[in-house]
Protein backbone atom coordinates (compact mmCIF):
# COMPACT_ATOMS: atom_id res chain seq x y z
CA MET A 1 0.00 0.00 0.00
CA GLY A 2 2.94 2.36 -0.22
CA ASP A 3 4.75 4.19 2.51
CA ARG A 4 2.01 6.59 3.44
CA ILE A 5 -1.66 6.39 4.25
CA GLY A 6 -2.19 9.05 1.60
CA GLY A 7 -0.03 11.98 0.51
CA GLU A 8 1.63 13.84 3.36
CA MET A 9 -0.22 12.03 6.13
CA MET A 10 -3.59 12.73 4.53
CA PHE A 11 -3.54 16.52 4.48
CA ARG A 12 -2.01 17.08 7.93
CA ASP A 13 0.49 19.41 6.28
CA LEU A 14 -2.29 21.39 4.61
CA LEU A 15 -4.28 22.08 7.78
CA ASP A 16 -3.59 23.80 11.07
CA LEU A 17 -4.58 20.95 13.40
CA PRO A 18 -4.27 21.13 17.20
CA ASP A 19 -0.74 20.76 18.59
CA ARG A 20 -1.93 18.70 21.55
CA PRO A 21 -4.65 16.33 20.35
CA GLN A 22 -4.66 14.49 23.67
CA LEU A 23 -6.52 17.52 25.03
CA LEU A 24 -9.37 16.99 22.56
CA SER A 25 -12.41 15.04 23.62
CA PRO A 26 -12.36 11.31 22.84
CA GLY A 27 -15.38 11.92 20.62
CA ILE A 28 -13.39 14.31 18.41
CA MET A 29 -10.49 11.84 18.18
CA ALA A 30 -12.96 9.05 17.32
CA TYR A 31 -14.66 11.28 14.74
CA ILE A 32 -11.46 11.72 12.73
CA GLY A 33 -10.27 8.18 13.50
CA ASP A 34 -13.45 6.76 11.99
CA SER A 35 -12.74 8.49 8.68
CA ILE A 36 -9.04 7.57 8.65
CA TYR A 37 -9.88 3.92 9.27
CA GLU A 38 -12.63 4.00 6.64
CA VAL A 39 -10.19 5.33 4.01
CA PHE A 40 -7.68 2.65 5.03
CA ILE A 41 -10.26 -0.14 4.64
CA ARG A 42 -11.56 1.19 1.34
CA SER A 43 -8.00 1.41 0.02
CA TYR A 44 -7.30 -2.10 1.29
CA LEU A 45 -10.33 -3.46 -0.57
CA ILE A 46 -9.21 -1.80 -3.80
CA GLU A 47 -5.75 -3.31 -3.24
CA LYS A 48 -7.45 -6.72 -2.91
CA GLY A 49 -8.89 -6.26 -6.40
CA ILE A 50 -12.54 -5.70 -5.54
CA ARG A 51 -14.01 -3.55 -8.31
CA LYS A 52 -17.79 -3.70 -7.96
CA ASN A 53 -19.29 -0.87 -5.90
CA ASN A 54 -21.84 -3.08 -4.19
CA GLU A 55 -19.21 -5.62 -3.20
CA LEU A 56 -16.87 -2.86 -2.00
CA HIS A 57 -19.63 -1.46 0.21
CA LYS A 58 -20.69 -4.82 1.66
CA THR A 59 -17.13 -5.90 2.34
CA ALA A 60 -16.19 -2.56 3.91
CA ILE A 61 -19.09 -2.85 6.35
CA LYS A 62 -17.68 -6.20 7.48
CA TYR A 63 -14.50 -4.43 8.65
CA VAL A 64 -15.77 -1.06 9.88
CA ASN A 65 -18.72 -2.12 12.04
CA ALA A 66 -18.55 -1.80 15.82
CA GLU A 67 -18.15 -5.54 16.43
CA ALA A 68 -15.21 -5.81 14.01
CA GLN A 69 -13.48 -2.74 15.43
CA ALA A 70 -13.96 -3.97 19.01
CA SER A 71 -12.47 -7.32 18.01
CA LEU A 72 -9.49 -5.66 16.33
CA LEU A 73 -8.86 -3.52 19.40
CA LYS A 74 -8.65 -6.67 21.53
CA GLU A 75 -6.19 -8.15 19.03
CA ILE A 76 -3.80 -5.18 19.10
CA LYS A 77 -4.23 -4.20 22.76
CA SER A 78 -1.08 -5.99 23.94
CA SER A 79 1.07 -3.95 21.53
CA LEU A 80 -0.17 -0.55 22.71
CA THR A 81 2.01 1.90 24.59
CA GLU A 82 0.96 3.28 27.96
CA GLU A 83 -0.05 6.58 26.33
CA GLU A 84 -2.13 4.73 23.72
CA GLU A 85 -3.82 2.70 26.45
CA ILE A 86 -4.84 5.95 28.14
CA ILE A 87 -6.39 7.19 24.87
CA VAL A 88 -8.20 3.85 24.46
CA ARG A 89 -9.51 4.03 28.03
CA ARG A 90 -10.73 7.59 27.50
CA GLY A 91 -12.43 6.59 24.26
CA ARG A 92 -14.08 3.57 25.83
CA ASN A 93 -15.35 5.55 28.82
CA SER A 94 -16.57 8.57 26.87
CA SER A 95 -20.24 9.24 26.50
CA SER A 96 -20.50 8.97 22.75
CA GLY A 97 -24.21 9.51 22.52
CA GLN A 98 -26.77 7.19 21.03
CA VAL A 99 -25.71 3.59 20.43
CA PRO A 100 -26.85 2.51 16.95
CA LYS A 101 -29.70 0.03 16.76
CA ASN A 102 -28.57 -3.63 16.57
CA THR A 103 -25.19 -2.74 18.10
CA ASP A 104 -23.96 -4.14 21.40
CA VAL A 105 -23.18 -1.34 23.88
CA VAL A 106 -19.85 -2.90 24.91
CA ASP A 107 -18.78 -3.34 21.28
CA TYR A 108 -19.81 0.24 20.55
CA ARG A 109 -17.70 1.59 23.42
CA HIS A 110 -14.70 -0.46 22.30
CA SER A 111 -15.14 0.62 18.68
CA THR A 112 -15.20 4.24 19.84
CA ALA A 113 -11.96 3.54 21.73
CA PHE A 114 -10.47 1.99 18.58
CA GLU A 115 -11.44 5.01 16.48
CA ALA A 116 -10.13 7.41 19.15
CA LEU A 117 -6.75 5.64 19.02
CA ILE A 118 -6.55 5.91 15.23
CA GLY A 119 -7.65 9.56 15.38
CA TYR A 120 -5.18 10.39 18.13
CA LEU A 121 -2.24 8.90 16.22
CA TYR A 122 -3.27 10.78 13.08
CA LEU A 123 -3.75 14.11 14.86
CA GLU A 124 -0.52 13.65 16.82
CA GLY A 125 1.36 13.16 13.54
CA GLU A 126 2.56 9.74 14.67
CA GLU A 127 2.77 8.48 11.10
CA GLU A 128 5.19 5.64 11.80
CA ARG A 129 3.18 4.36 14.75
CA LEU A 130 -0.08 4.65 12.83
CA GLN A 131 1.53 2.65 10.02
CA GLU A 132 2.57 -0.04 12.54
CA ILE A 133 -0.95 -0.29 13.97
CA LEU A 134 -2.59 -0.37 10.53
CA THR A 135 -0.10 -3.01 9.36
CA GLU A 136 -1.02 -5.14 12.37
CA ILE A 137 -4.71 -4.58 11.65
CA LYS A 138 -4.22 -5.49 8.00
CA ALA A 139 -2.63 -8.79 9.03
CA LYS A 140 -5.55 -9.49 11.39
CA ILE A 141 -8.26 -8.77 8.83
CA GLU A 142 -6.51 -10.97 6.28
CA GLU A 143 -6.95 -13.83 8.77
CA LEU A 144 -10.73 -13.32 8.74
């Protein structure tokens, strides 16, 4: 997939983002993390050779739903740094509003934590670490 998630850390160099993202709410970190992870998964599916829109959509849902993200968080948890664990804990314990219908509350909280971690690493400019985490995630989803 190349060396970068997308040119210059996906527009970080074009925007004046906060210098200390750890001070943002977990919901804000999860908000951006959700989109970063979605772009990663969509790019992964294109890499896998999927070319039909309907199949792309259905397959993406398999990887970006709350249950899948909660499962992936459990898989990578042992490799997280202390700082990353704090972000995950904050994301998990945040009040993220309404839980979507047909979604387990625990899975939803863990998926919010997962997205907060991805968002934090992106906002922090931790490109190398984000690459490591996404590489680990890619290996896990290829096992599915």
